[in-house]
Amino acid sequence: MTDEILSAPPPEHWDQALADTLPGRIILVGLTFLDADGEIEDVEQFHGVILSADPEEGILVDLLTKEEDGDTYLLPPQTSNIRSAQPGTYTLANGEVLENPDFVSNWTIQGPEDPANDD
């Protein structure tokens, strides 16, 4: 095993044909943050227009959520975690309503274990 950071995602995580269709499309993103024990610490939801999809840089989203309008968010370069959205109305945790996004992507991020206390 190596500690080397990959410069591009493994092929099973990047579909260039899908990536080529992403710019200009609306995506709804959900992030669930877990502590080292797997307990939920926070949940975030946002949506925006995909600006670019690059296998080395990631998927850049121009945020449209009221609190973050105009900011950008960079998702990892992993198209395997992007799904076509079902048509309909989506209500975000902040109460904002999104109609008919093109794609959805949900991520779970687990924090590192607390370092041992050597005292």
PDB file of N, CA and C in Angstrom:
ATOM      1  N   MET A   1       0.844  -1.176   0.000  1.00  0.00           N
ATOM      2  CA  MET A   1       0.000   0.000   0.000  1.00  0.00           C
ATOM      3  C   MET A   1       0.890   1.240   0.000  1.00  0.00           C
ATOM      4  N   THR A   2       0.422   2.276  -0.677  1.00  0.00           N
ATOM      5  CA  THR A   2       1.216   3.489  -0.789  1.00  0.00           C
ATOM      6  C   THR A   2       0.435   4.686  -0.260  1.00  0.00           C
ATOM      7  N   ASP A   3       1.161   5.685   0.222  1.00  0.00           N
ATOM      8  CA  ASP A   3       0.533   6.917   0.685  1.00  0.00           C
ATOM      9  C   ASP A   3       0.417   7.938  -0.437  1.00  0.00           C
ATOM     10  N   GLU A   4       0.780   7.542  -1.644  1.00  0.00           N
ATOM     11  CA  GLU A   4       0.751   8.434  -2.789  1.00  0.00           C
ATOM     12  C   GLU A   4      -0.684   8.865  -3.108  1.00  0.00           C
ATOM     13  N   ILE A   5      -0.841  10.148  -3.389  1.00  0.00           N
ATOM     14  CA  ILE A   5      -2.148  10.668  -3.775  1.00  0.00           C
ATOM     15  C   ILE A   5      -2.308  10.468  -5.276  1.00  0.00           C
ATOM     16  N   LEU A   6      -3.440   9.921  -5.664  1.00  0.00           N
ATOM     17  CA  LEU A   6      -3.694   9.699  -7.081  1.00  0.00           C
ATOM     18  C   LEU A   6      -3.910  11.027  -7.788  1.00  0.00           C
ATOM     19  N   SER A   7      -3.347  11.168  -8.997  1.00  0.00           N
ATOM     20  CA  SER A   7      -3.556  12.393  -9.755  1.00  0.00           C
ATOM     21  C   SER A   7      -4.861  12.340 -10.526  1.00  0.00           C
ATOM     22  N   ALA A   8      -5.445  11.183 -10.654  1.00  0.00           N
ATOM     23  CA  ALA A   8      -6.735  11.022 -11.330  1.00  0.00           C
ATOM     24  C   ALA A   8      -7.450   9.852 -10.674  1.00  0.00           C
ATOM     25  N   PRO A   9      -8.780   9.847 -10.746  1.00  0.00           N
ATOM     26  CA  PRO A   9      -9.521   8.756 -10.115  1.00  0.00           C
ATOM     27  C   PRO A   9      -9.317   7.441 -10.852  1.00  0.00           C
ATOM     28  N   PRO A  10      -9.485   6.334 -10.152  1.00  0.00           N
ATOM     29  CA  PRO A  10      -9.435   5.042 -10.835  1.00  0.00           C
ATOM     30  C   PRO A  10     -10.502   5.016 -11.937  1.00  0.00           C
ATOM     31  N   PRO A  11     -10.272   4.286 -12.991  1.00  0.00           N
ATOM     32  CA  PRO A  11     -11.200   4.289 -14.125  1.00  0.00           C
ATOM     33  C   PRO A  11     -12.642   3.944 -13.752  1.00  0.00           C
ATOM     34  N   GLU A  12     -12.840   3.110 -12.744  1.00  0.00           N
ATOM     35  CA  GLU A  12     -14.204   2.734 -12.377  1.00  0.00           C
ATOM     36  C   GLU A  12     -14.967   3.898 -11.727  1.00  0.00           C
ATOM     37  N   HIS A  13     -14.264   4.979 -11.370  1.00  0.00           N
ATOM     38  CA  HIS A  13     -14.919   6.124 -10.744  1.00  0.00           C
ATOM     39  C   HIS A  13     -15.078   7.317 -11.680  1.00  0.00           C
ATOM     40  N   TRP A  14     -14.540   7.244 -12.888  1.00  0.00           N
ATOM     41  CA  TRP A  14     -14.632   8.379 -13.816  1.00  0.00           C
ATOM     42  C   TRP A  14     -15.156   7.909 -15.161  1.00  0.00           C
ATOM     43  N   ASP A  15     -16.297   8.436 -15.537  1.00  0.00           N
ATOM     44  CA  ASP A  15     -16.923   8.141 -16.828  1.00  0.00           C
ATOM     45  C   ASP A  15     -16.866   9.426 -17.648  1.00  0.00           C
ATOM     46  N   GLN A  16     -15.953   9.475 -18.602  1.00  0.00           N
ATOM     47  CA  GLN A  16     -15.766  10.699 -19.384  1.00  0.00           C
ATOM     48  C   GLN A  16     -17.017  11.063 -20.174  1.00  0.00           C
ATOM     49  N   ALA A  17     -17.739  10.071 -20.669  1.00  0.00           N
ATOM     50  CA  ALA A  17     -18.969  10.361 -21.414  1.00  0.00           C
ATOM     51  C   ALA A  17     -19.980  11.086 -20.519  1.00  0.00           C
ATOM     52  N   LEU A  18     -20.128  10.631 -19.274  1.00  0.00           N
ATOM     53  CA  LEU A  18     -21.022  11.320 -18.336  1.00  0.00           C
ATOM     54  C   LEU A  18     -20.462  12.694 -18.003  1.00  0.00           C
ATOM     55  N   ALA A  19     -19.170  12.772 -17.735  1.00  0.00           N
ATOM     56  CA  ALA A  19     -18.542  14.051 -17.379  1.00  0.00           C
ATOM     57  C   ALA A  19     -18.773  15.101 -18.458  1.00  0.00           C
ATOM     58  N   ASP A  20     -18.757  14.685 -19.700  1.00  0.00           N
ATOM     59  CA  ASP A  20     -18.964  15.626 -20.802  1.00  0.00           C
ATOM     60  C   ASP A  20     -20.364  16.225 -20.814  1.00  0.00           C
ATOM     61  N   THR A  21     -21.336  15.541 -20.189  1.00  0.00           N
ATOM     62  CA  THR A  21     -22.716  16.041 -20.167  1.00  0.00           C
ATOM     63  C   THR A  21     -23.007  16.925 -18.953  1.00  0.00           C
ATOM     64  N   LEU A  22     -22.093  16.992 -17.989  1.00  0.00           N
ATOM     65  CA  LEU A  22     -22.364  17.664 -16.721  1.00  0.00           C
ATOM     66  C   LEU A  22     -22.373  19.196 -16.772  1.00  0.00           C
ATOM     67  N   PRO A  23     -21.423  19.852 -17.442  1.00  0.00           N
ATOM     68  CA  PRO A  23     -21.425  21.321 -17.407  1.00  0.00           C
ATOM     69  C   PRO A  23     -22.759  21.912 -17.876  1.00  0.00           C
ATOM     70  N   GLY A  24     -23.213  22.891 -17.072  1.00  0.00           N
ATOM     71  CA  GLY A  24     -24.475  23.554 -17.373  1.00  0.00           C
ATOM     72  C   GLY A  24     -25.687  22.899 -16.737  1.00  0.00           C
ATOM     73  N   ARG A  25     -25.512  21.754 -16.134  1.00  0.00           N
ATOM     74  CA  ARG A  25     -26.627  21.026 -15.518  1.00  0.00           C
ATOM     75  C   ARG A  25     -26.713  21.356 -14.029  1.00  0.00           C
ATOM     76  N   ILE A  26     -27.915  21.197 -13.464  1.00  0.00           N
ATOM     77  CA  ILE A  26     -28.164  21.481 -12.051  1.00  0.00           C
ATOM     78  C   ILE A  26     -27.954  20.196 -11.233  1.00  0.00           C
ATOM     79  N   ILE A  27     -27.202  20.324 -10.131  1.00  0.00           N
ATOM     80  CA  ILE A  27     -26.943  19.183  -9.255  1.00  0.00           C
ATOM     81  C   ILE A  27     -27.348  19.533  -7.823  1.00  0.00           C
ATOM     82  N   LEU A  28     -27.946  18.570  -7.149  1.00  0.00           N
ATOM     83  CA  LEU A  28     -28.263  18.662  -5.723  1.00  0.00           C
ATOM     84  C   LEU A  28     -27.265  17.780  -4.994  1.00  0.00           C
ATOM     85  N   VAL A  29     -26.557  18.360  -4.023  1.00  0.00           N
ATOM     86  CA  VAL A  29     -25.495  17.642  -3.303  1.00  0.00           C
ATOM     87  C   VAL A  29     -25.854  17.546  -1.830  1.00  0.00           C
ATOM     88  N   GLY A  30     -25.677  16.356  -1.272  1.00  0.00           N
ATOM     89  CA  GLY A  30     -25.855  16.133   0.155  1.00  0.00           C
ATOM     90  C   GLY A  30     -24.550  15.650   0.757  1.00  0.00           C
ATOM     91  N   LEU A  31     -24.141  16.269   1.852  1.00  0.00           N
ATOM     92  CA  LEU A  31     -22.924  15.870   2.567  1.00  0.00           C
ATOM     93  C   LEU A  31     -23.304  15.477   3.986  1.00  0.00           C
ATOM     94  N   THR A  32     -22.893  14.288   4.400  1.00  0.00           N
ATOM     95  CA  THR A  32     -23.099  13.832   5.773  1.00  0.00           C
ATOM     96  C   THR A  32     -21.723  13.668   6.411  1.00  0.00           C
ATOM     97  N   PHE A  33     -21.499  14.381   7.502  1.00  0.00           N
ATOM     98  CA  PHE A  33     -20.217  14.342   8.193  1.00  0.00           C
ATOM     99  C   PHE A  33     -20.344  13.460   9.430  1.00  0.00           C
ATOM    100  N   LEU A  34     -19.455  12.474   9.527  1.00  0.00           N
ATOM    101  CA  LEU A  34     -19.441  11.549  10.663  1.00  0.00           C
ATOM    102  C   LEU A  34     -18.194  11.778  11.497  1.00  0.00           C
ATOM    103  N   ASP A  35     -18.313  11.503  12.798  1.00  0.00           N
ATOM    104  CA  ASP A  35     -17.120  11.535  13.636  1.00  0.00           C
ATOM    105  C   ASP A  35     -16.397  10.196  13.487  1.00  0.00           C
ATOM    106  N   ALA A  36     -15.307  10.034  14.202  1.00  0.00           N
ATOM    107  CA  ALA A  36     -14.501   8.817  14.090  1.00  0.00           C
ATOM    108  C   ALA A  36     -15.268   7.562  14.477  1.00  0.00           C
ATOM    109  N   ASP A  37     -16.330   7.709  15.294  1.00  0.00           N
ATOM    110  CA  ASP A  37     -17.132   6.563  15.720  1.00  0.00           C
ATOM    111  C   ASP A  37     -18.308   6.287  14.786  1.00  0.00           C
ATOM    112  N   GLY A  38     -18.430   7.078  13.724  1.00  0.00           N
ATOM    113  CA  GLY A  38     -19.511   6.866  12.775  1.00  0.00           C
ATOM    114  C   GLY A  38     -20.804   7.568  13.136  1.00  0.00           C
ATOM    115  N   GLU A  39     -20.771   8.449  14.142  1.00  0.00           N
ATOM    116  CA  GLU A  39     -21.952   9.206  14.542  1.00  0.00           C
ATOM    117  C   GLU A  39     -22.062  10.475  13.701  1.00  0.00           C
ATOM    118  N   ILE A  40     -23.283  10.829  13.298  1.00  0.00           N
ATOM    119  CA  ILE A  40     -23.492  12.016  12.470  1.00  0.00           C
ATOM    120  C   ILE A  40     -23.173  13.270  13.277  1.00  0.00           C
ATOM    121  N   GLU A  41     -22.296  14.103  12.703  1.00  0.00           N
ATOM    122  CA  GLU A  41     -21.947  15.385  13.308  1.00  0.00           C
ATOM    123  C   GLU A  41     -22.682  16.539  12.640  1.00  0.00           C
ATOM    124  N   ASP A  42     -22.871  16.439  11.315  1.00  0.00           N
ATOM    125  CA  ASP A  42     -23.487  17.525  10.571  1.00  0.00           C
ATOM    126  C   ASP A  42     -23.991  16.992   9.233  1.00  0.00           C
ATOM    127  N   VAL A  43     -24.978  17.684   8.698  1.00  0.00           N
ATOM    128  CA  VAL A  43     -25.510  17.368   7.373  1.00  0.00           C
ATOM    129  C   VAL A  43     -25.637  18.682   6.617  1.00  0.00           C
ATOM    130  N   GLU A  44     -25.170  18.707   5.383  1.00  0.00           N
ATOM    131  CA  GLU A  44     -25.285  19.895   4.536  1.00  0.00           C
ATOM    132  C   GLU A  44     -25.930  19.505   3.223  1.00  0.00           C
ATOM    133  N   GLN A  45     -26.699  20.421   2.667  1.00  0.00           N
ATOM    134  CA  GLN A  45     -27.268  20.241   1.340  1.00  0.00           C
ATOM    135  C   GLN A  45     -27.093  21.544   0.579  1.00  0.00           C
ATOM    136  N   PHE A  46     -26.794  21.432  -0.693  1.00  0.00           N
ATOM    137  CA  PHE A  46     -26.707  22.611  -1.540  1.00  0.00           C
ATOM    138  C   PHE A  46     -26.943  22.200  -2.979  1.00  0.00           C
ATOM    139  N   HIS A  47     -27.187  23.183  -3.815  1.00  0.00           N
ATOM    140  CA  HIS A  47     -27.385  22.896  -5.232  1.00  0.00           C
ATOM    141  C   HIS A  47     -26.716  23.987  -6.047  1.00  0.00           C
ATOM    142  N   GLY A  48     -26.473  23.667  -7.298  1.00  0.00           N
ATOM    143  CA  GLY A  48     -25.846  24.648  -8.166  1.00  0.00           C
ATOM    144  C   GLY A  48     -25.708  24.134  -9.575  1.00  0.00           C
ATOM    145  N   VAL A  49     -25.087  24.972 -10.380  1.00  0.00           N
ATOM    146  CA  VAL A  49     -24.833  24.655 -11.787  1.00  0.00           C
ATOM    147  C   VAL A  49     -23.414  24.112 -11.893  1.00  0.00           C
ATOM    148  N   ILE A  50     -23.263  22.995 -12.547  1.00  0.00           N
ATOM    149  CA  ILE A  50     -21.929  22.419 -12.747  1.00  0.00           C
ATOM    150  C   ILE A  50     -21.196  23.256 -13.792  1.00  0.00           C
ATOM    151  N   LEU A  51     -20.040  23.784 -13.401  1.00  0.00           N
ATOM    152  CA  LEU A  51     -19.238  24.603 -14.304  1.00  0.00           C
ATOM    153  C   LEU A  51     -18.280  23.769 -15.135  1.00  0.00           C
ATOM    154  N   SER A  52     -17.681  22.752 -14.494  1.00  0.00           N
ATOM    155  CA  SER A  52     -16.707  21.920 -15.209  1.00  0.00           C
ATOM    156  C   SER A  52     -16.590  20.567 -14.521  1.00  0.00           C
ATOM    157  N   ALA A  53     -16.112  19.597 -15.289  1.00  0.00           N
ATOM    158  CA  ALA A  53     -15.880  18.248 -14.766  1.00  0.00           C
ATOM    159  C   ALA A  53     -14.567  17.754 -15.347  1.00  0.00           C
ATOM    160  N   ASP A  54     -13.567  17.655 -14.482  1.00  0.00           N
ATOM    161  CA  ASP A  54     -12.221  17.304 -14.908  1.00  0.00           C
ATOM    162  C   ASP A  54     -11.726  16.108 -14.100  1.00  0.00           C
ATOM    163  N   PRO A  55     -11.162  15.082 -14.751  1.00  0.00           N
ATOM    164  CA  PRO A  55     -10.745  13.882 -14.026  1.00  0.00           C
ATOM    165  C   PRO A  55      -9.606  14.096 -13.038  1.00  0.00           C
ATOM    166  N   GLU A  56      -8.903  15.207 -13.135  1.00  0.00           N
ATOM    167  CA  GLU A  56      -7.837  15.493 -12.178  1.00  0.00           C
ATOM    168  C   GLU A  56      -8.255  16.547 -11.156  1.00  0.00           C
ATOM    169  N   GLU A  57      -8.989  17.553 -11.575  1.00  0.00           N
ATOM    170  CA  GLU A  57      -9.365  18.660 -10.697  1.00  0.00           C
ATOM    171  C   GLU A  57     -10.642  18.386  -9.910  1.00  0.00           C
ATOM    172  N   GLY A  58     -11.590  17.679 -10.493  1.00  0.00           N
ATOM    173  CA  GLY A  58     -12.864  17.418  -9.845  1.00  0.00           C
ATOM    174  C   GLY A  58     -14.016  18.080 -10.572  1.00  0.00           C
ATOM    175  N   ILE A  59     -15.146  18.168  -9.890  1.00  0.00           N
ATOM    176  CA  ILE A  59     -16.380  18.687 -10.480  1.00  0.00           C
ATOM    177  C   ILE A  59     -16.698  19.998  -9.771  1.00  0.00           C
ATOM    178  N   LEU A  60     -16.604  21.100 -10.507  1.00  0.00           N
ATOM    179  CA  LEU A  60     -16.777  22.433  -9.949  1.00  0.00           C
ATOM    180  C   LEU A  60     -18.230  22.863 -10.089  1.00  0.00           C
ATOM    181  N   VAL A  61     -18.835  23.251  -8.942  1.00  0.00           N
ATOM    182  CA  VAL A  61     -20.244  23.629  -8.898  1.00  0.00           C
ATOM    183  C   VAL A  61     -20.361  25.094  -8.472  1.00  0.00           C
ATOM    184  N   ASP A  62     -21.104  25.878  -9.253  1.00  0.00           N
ATOM    185  CA  ASP A  62     -21.446  27.257  -8.908  1.00  0.00           C
ATOM    186  C   ASP A  62     -22.698  27.198  -8.048  1.00  0.00           C
ATOM    187  N   LEU A  63     -22.572  27.506  -6.760  1.00  0.00           N
ATOM    188  CA  LEU A  63     -23.663  27.313  -5.811  1.00  0.00           C
ATOM    189  C   LEU A  63     -24.789  28.325  -6.002  1.00  0.00           C
ATOM    190  N   LEU A  64     -26.022  27.821  -5.897  1.00  0.00           N
ATOM    191  CA  LEU A  64     -27.211  28.651  -6.047  1.00  0.00           C
ATOM    192  C   LEU A  64     -28.051  28.695  -4.784  1.00  0.00           C
ATOM    193  N   THR A  65     -27.657  27.937  -3.743  1.00  0.00           N
ATOM    194  CA  THR A  65     -28.376  27.941  -2.483  1.00  0.00           C
ATOM    195  C   THR A  65     -28.324  29.360  -1.916  1.00  0.00           C
ATOM    196  N   LYS A  66     -29.416  29.822  -1.322  1.00  0.00           N
ATOM    197  CA  LYS A  66     -29.514  31.213  -0.864  1.00  0.00           C
ATOM    198  C   LYS A  66     -28.295  31.670  -0.076  1.00  0.00           C
ATOM    199  N   GLU A  67     -27.837  30.860   0.876  1.00  0.00           N
ATOM    200  CA  GLU A  67     -26.716  31.265   1.734  1.00  0.00           C
ATOM    201  C   GLU A  67     -25.384  31.317   0.987  1.00  0.00           C
ATOM    202  N   GLU A  68     -25.244  30.557  -0.077  1.00  0.00           N
ATOM    203  CA  GLU A  68     -23.945  30.451  -0.756  1.00  0.00           C
ATOM    204  C   GLU A  68     -23.974  30.924  -2.199  1.00  0.00           C
ATOM    205  N   ASP A  69     -25.025  31.616  -2.620  1.00  0.00           N
ATOM    206  CA  ASP A  69     -25.153  32.042  -4.003  1.00  0.00           C
ATOM    207  C   ASP A  69     -23.893  32.782  -4.449  1.00  0.00           C
ATOM    208  N   GLY A  70     -23.301  32.309  -5.523  1.00  0.00           N
ATOM    209  CA  GLY A  70     -22.091  32.921  -6.062  1.00  0.00           C
ATOM    210  C   GLY A  70     -20.812  32.236  -5.636  1.00  0.00           C
ATOM    211  N   ASP A  71     -20.853  31.440  -4.569  1.00  0.00           N
ATOM    212  CA  ASP A  71     -19.679  30.676  -4.150  1.00  0.00           C
ATOM    213  C   ASP A  71     -19.565  29.439  -5.041  1.00  0.00           C
ATOM    214  N   THR A  72     -18.422  28.798  -4.995  1.00  0.00           N
ATOM    215  CA  THR A  72     -18.239  27.543  -5.717  1.00  0.00           C
ATOM    216  C   THR A  72     -17.851  26.450  -4.742  1.00  0.00           C
ATOM    217  N   TYR A  73     -18.082  25.202  -5.161  1.00  0.00           N
ATOM    218  CA  TYR A  73     -17.716  24.033  -4.364  1.00  0.00           C
ATOM    219  C   TYR A  73     -17.110  23.016  -5.308  1.00  0.00           C
ATOM    220  N   LEU A  74     -16.005  22.425  -4.914  1.00  0.00           N
ATOM    221  CA  LEU A  74     -15.323  21.448  -5.741  1.00  0.00           C
ATOM    222  C   LEU A  74     -15.566  20.045  -5.190  1.00  0.00           C
ATOM    223  N   LEU A  75     -16.308  19.247  -5.950  1.00  0.00           N
ATOM    224  CA  LEU A  75     -16.525  17.847  -5.599  1.00  0.00           C
ATOM    225  C   LEU A  75     -15.343  17.017  -6.076  1.00  0.00           C
ATOM    226  N   PRO A  76     -15.100  15.883  -5.443  1.00  0.00           N
ATOM    227  CA  PRO A  76     -14.015  15.008  -5.909  1.00  0.00           C
ATOM    228  C   PRO A  76     -14.260  14.545  -7.347  1.00  0.00           C
ATOM    229  N   PRO A  77     -13.200  14.174  -8.039  1.00  0.00           N
ATOM    230  CA  PRO A  77     -13.346  13.691  -9.416  1.00  0.00           C
ATOM    231  C   PRO A  77     -13.886  12.260  -9.435  1.00  0.00           C
ATOM    232  N   GLN A  78     -15.167  12.135  -9.205  1.00  0.00           N
ATOM    233  CA  GLN A  78     -15.780  10.812  -9.105  1.00  0.00           C
ATOM    234  C   GLN A  78     -17.202  10.870  -9.675  1.00  0.00           C
ATOM    235  N   THR A  79     -17.334  10.586 -10.951  1.00  0.00           N
ATOM    236  CA  THR A  79     -18.659  10.594 -11.577  1.00  0.00           C
ATOM    237  C   THR A  79     -19.499   9.403 -11.130  1.00  0.00           C
ATOM    238  N   SER A  80     -18.883   8.371 -10.574  1.00  0.00           N
ATOM    239  CA  SER A  80     -19.634   7.192 -10.134  1.00  0.00           C
ATOM    240  C   SER A  80     -20.583   7.516  -8.984  1.00  0.00           C
ATOM    241  N   ASN A  81     -20.431   8.691  -8.375  1.00  0.00           N
ATOM    242  CA  ASN A  81     -21.295   9.088  -7.271  1.00  0.00           C
ATOM    243  C   ASN A  81     -22.342  10.119  -7.708  1.00  0.00           C
ATOM    244  N   ILE A  82     -22.538  10.256  -9.000  1.00  0.00           N
ATOM    245  CA  ILE A  82     -23.526  11.187  -9.538  1.00  0.00           C
ATOM    246  C   ILE A  82     -24.616  10.376 -10.219  1.00  0.00           C
ATOM    247  N   ARG A  83     -25.852  10.647  -9.827  1.00  0.00           N
ATOM    248  CA  ARG A  83     -27.009   9.921 -10.357  1.00  0.00           C
ATOM    249  C   ARG A  83     -27.989  10.897 -10.976  1.00  0.00           C
ATOM    250  N   SER A  84     -28.712  10.450 -11.982  1.00  0.00           N
ATOM    251  CA  SER A  84     -29.803  11.255 -12.538  1.00  0.00           C
ATOM    252  C   SER A  84     -30.862  11.434 -11.458  1.00  0.00           C
ATOM    253  N   ALA A  85     -31.356  12.651 -11.336  1.00  0.00           N
ATOM    254  CA  ALA A  85     -32.372  12.944 -10.324  1.00  0.00           C
ATOM    255  C   ALA A  85     -33.749  12.544 -10.837  1.00  0.00           C
ATOM    256  N   GLN A  86     -34.583  12.071  -9.947  1.00  0.00           N
ATOM    257  CA  GLN A  86     -35.982  11.814 -10.278  1.00  0.00           C
ATOM    258  C   GLN A  86     -36.674  13.170 -10.413  1.00  0.00           C
ATOM    259  N   PRO A  87     -37.538  13.339 -11.411  1.00  0.00           N
ATOM    260  CA  PRO A  87     -38.260  14.609 -11.530  1.00  0.00           C
ATOM    261  C   PRO A  87     -39.087  14.873 -10.278  1.00  0.00           C
ATOM    262  N   GLY A  88     -39.168  16.140  -9.891  1.00  0.00           N
ATOM    263  CA  GLY A  88     -39.986  16.478  -8.741  1.00  0.00           C
ATOM    264  C   GLY A  88     -39.436  17.626  -7.944  1.00  0.00           C
ATOM    265  N   THR A  89     -40.050  17.841  -6.801  1.00  0.00           N
ATOM    266  CA  THR A  89     -39.697  18.918  -5.896  1.00  0.00           C
ATOM    267  C   THR A  89     -38.845  18.364  -4.761  1.00  0.00           C
ATOM    268  N   TYR A  90     -37.724  19.008  -4.512  1.00  0.00           N
ATOM    269  CA  TYR A  90     -36.808  18.615  -3.448  1.00  0.00           C
ATOM    270  C   TYR A  90     -36.761  19.750  -2.425  1.00  0.00           C
ATOM    271  N   THR A  91     -37.030  19.427  -1.174  1.00  0.00           N
ATOM    272  CA  THR A  91     -36.955  20.420  -0.107  1.00  0.00           C
ATOM    273  C   THR A  91     -35.673  20.188   0.680  1.00  0.00           C
ATOM    274  N   LEU A  92     -34.819  21.199   0.696  1.00  0.00           N
ATOM    275  CA  LEU A  92     -33.545  21.101   1.395  1.00  0.00           C
ATOM    276  C   LEU A  92     -33.748  21.286   2.890  1.00  0.00           C
ATOM    277  N   ALA A  93     -32.749  20.907   3.660  1.00  0.00           N
ATOM    278  CA  ALA A  93     -32.810  20.993   5.120  1.00  0.00           C
ATOM    279  C   ALA A  93     -33.073  22.417   5.592  1.00  0.00           C
ATOM    280  N   ASN A  94     -32.632  23.423   4.812  1.00  0.00           N
ATOM    281  CA  ASN A  94     -32.845  24.823   5.197  1.00  0.00           C
ATOM    282  C   ASN A  94     -34.214  25.340   4.770  1.00  0.00           C
ATOM    283  N   GLY A  95     -35.051  24.471   4.184  1.00  0.00           N
ATOM    284  CA  GLY A  95     -36.390  24.849   3.760  1.00  0.00           C
ATOM    285  C   GLY A  95     -36.480  25.316   2.325  1.00  0.00           C
ATOM    286  N   GLU A  96     -35.339  25.546   1.694  1.00  0.00           N
ATOM    287  CA  GLU A  96     -35.335  25.973   0.298  1.00  0.00           C
ATOM    288  C   GLU A  96     -35.876  24.842  -0.581  1.00  0.00           C
ATOM    289  N   VAL A  97     -36.596  25.208  -1.636  1.00  0.00           N
ATOM    290  CA  VAL A  97     -37.208  24.227  -2.521  1.00  0.00           C
ATOM    291  C   VAL A  97     -36.508  24.274  -3.878  1.00  0.00           C
ATOM    292  N   LEU A  98     -36.185  23.104  -4.400  1.00  0.00           N
ATOM    293  CA  LEU A  98     -35.533  22.962  -5.702  1.00  0.00           C
ATOM    294  C   LEU A  98     -36.423  22.113  -6.589  1.00  0.00           C
ATOM    295  N   GLU A  99     -36.712  22.609  -7.777  1.00  0.00           N
ATOM    296  CA  GLU A  99     -37.557  21.887  -8.730  1.00  0.00           C
ATOM    297  C   GLU A  99     -36.697  21.204  -9.793  1.00  0.00           C
ATOM    298  N   ASN A 100     -36.892  19.922  -9.947  1.00  0.00           N
ATOM    299  CA  ASN A 100     -36.334  19.144 -11.055  1.00  0.00           C
ATOM    300  C   ASN A 100     -34.839  19.330 -11.321  1.00  0.00           C
ATOM    301  N   PRO A 101     -33.982  19.062 -10.339  1.00  0.00           N
ATOM    302  CA  PRO A 101     -32.544  19.090 -10.644  1.00  0.00           C
ATOM    303  C   PRO A 101     -32.224  17.989 -11.649  1.00  0.00           C
ATOM    304  N   ASP A 102     -31.114  18.132 -12.328  1.00  0.00           N
ATOM    305  CA  ASP A 102     -30.703  17.122 -13.305  1.00  0.00           C
ATOM    306  C   ASP A 102     -30.038  15.923 -12.645  1.00  0.00           C
ATOM    307  N   PHE A 103     -29.226  16.205 -11.613  1.00  0.00           N
ATOM    308  CA  PHE A 103     -28.450  15.155 -10.957  1.00  0.00           C
ATOM    309  C   PHE A 103     -28.488  15.322  -9.444  1.00  0.00           C
ATOM    310  N   VAL A 104     -28.218  14.225  -8.737  1.00  0.00           N
ATOM    311  CA  VAL A 104     -28.020  14.242  -7.289  1.00  0.00           C
ATOM    312  C   VAL A 104     -26.714  13.522  -6.977  1.00  0.00           C
ATOM    313  N   SER A 105     -26.096  13.936  -5.881  1.00  0.00           N
ATOM    314  CA  SER A 105     -24.861  13.305  -5.434  1.00  0.00           C
ATOM    315  C   SER A 105     -24.806  13.406  -3.919  1.00  0.00           C
ATOM    316  N   ASN A 106     -24.676  12.264  -3.248  1.00  0.00           N
ATOM    317  CA  ASN A 106     -24.604  12.222  -1.787  1.00  0.00           C
ATOM    318  C   ASN A 106     -23.261  11.657  -1.359  1.00  0.00           C
ATOM    319  N   TRP A 107     -22.680  12.304  -0.369  1.00  0.00           N
ATOM    320  CA  TRP A 107     -21.361  11.930   0.114  1.00  0.00           C
ATOM    321  C   TRP A 107     -21.394  11.762   1.626  1.00  0.00           C
ATOM    322  N   THR A 108     -20.636  10.793   2.125  1.00  0.00           N
ATOM    323  CA  THR A 108     -20.443  10.613   3.556  1.00  0.00           C
ATOM    324  C   THR A 108     -18.958  10.794   3.833  1.00  0.00           C
ATOM    325  N   ILE A 109     -18.658  11.721   4.735  1.00  0.00           N
ATOM    326  CA  ILE A 109     -17.275  12.046   5.058  1.00  0.00           C
ATOM    327  C   ILE A 109     -17.049  11.709   6.529  1.00  0.00           C
ATOM    328  N   GLN A 110     -16.138  10.783   6.784  1.00  0.00           N
ATOM    329  CA  GLN A 110     -15.867  10.385   8.163  1.00  0.00           C
ATOM    330  C   GLN A 110     -14.576  11.026   8.639  1.00  0.00           C
ATOM    331  N   GLY A 111     -14.658  11.639   9.823  1.00  0.00           N
ATOM    332  CA  GLY A 111     -13.501  12.298  10.412  1.00  0.00           C
ATOM    333  C   GLY A 111     -12.482  11.289  10.917  1.00  0.00           C
ATOM    334  N   PRO A 112     -11.264  11.756  11.114  1.00  0.00           N
ATOM    335  CA  PRO A 112     -10.209  10.863  11.618  1.00  0.00           C
ATOM    336  C   PRO A 112     -10.428  10.537  13.085  1.00  0.00           C
ATOM    337  N   GLU A 113      -9.817   9.468  13.501  1.00  0.00           N
ATOM    338  CA  GLU A 113      -9.858   9.116  14.921  1.00  0.00           C
ATOM    339  C   GLU A 113      -9.093  10.173  15.697  1.00  0.00           C
ATOM    340  N   ASP A 114      -9.534  10.420  16.921  1.00  0.00           N
ATOM    341  CA  ASP A 114      -8.815  11.372  17.777  1.00  0.00           C
ATOM    342  C   ASP A 114      -7.448  10.790  18.097  1.00  0.00           C
ATOM    343  N   PRO A 115      -6.417  11.641  18.078  1.00  0.00           N
ATOM    344  CA  PRO A 115      -5.078  11.125  18.413  1.00  0.00           C
ATOM    345  C   PRO A 115      -5.043  10.665  19.870  1.00  0.00           C
ATOM    346  N   ALA A 116      -4.235   9.678  20.128  1.00  0.00           N
ATOM    347  CA  ALA A 116      -4.114   9.156  21.494  1.00  0.00           C
ATOM    348  C   ALA A 116      -3.520  10.238  22.404  1.00  0.00           C
ATOM    349  N   ASN A 117      -3.997  10.274  23.600  1.00  0.00           N
ATOM    350  CA  ASN A 117      -3.500  11.229  24.570  1.00  0.00           C
ATOM    351  C   ASN A 117      -2.321  10.589  25.291  1.00  0.00           C
ATOM    352  N   ASP A 118      -1.133  11.127  25.050  1.00  0.00           N
ATOM    353  CA  ASP A 118       0.071  10.528  25.616  1.00  0.00           C
ATOM    354  C   ASP A 118       0.397  11.056  27.010  1.00  0.00           C
ATOM    355  N   ASP A 119      -0.423  11.914  27.552  1.00  0.00           N
ATOM    356  CA  ASP A 119      -0.130  12.488  28.872  1.00  0.00           C
ATOM    357  C   ASP A 119      -0.332  11.489  29.975  1.00  0.00           C
TER     358      ASP A 119
END
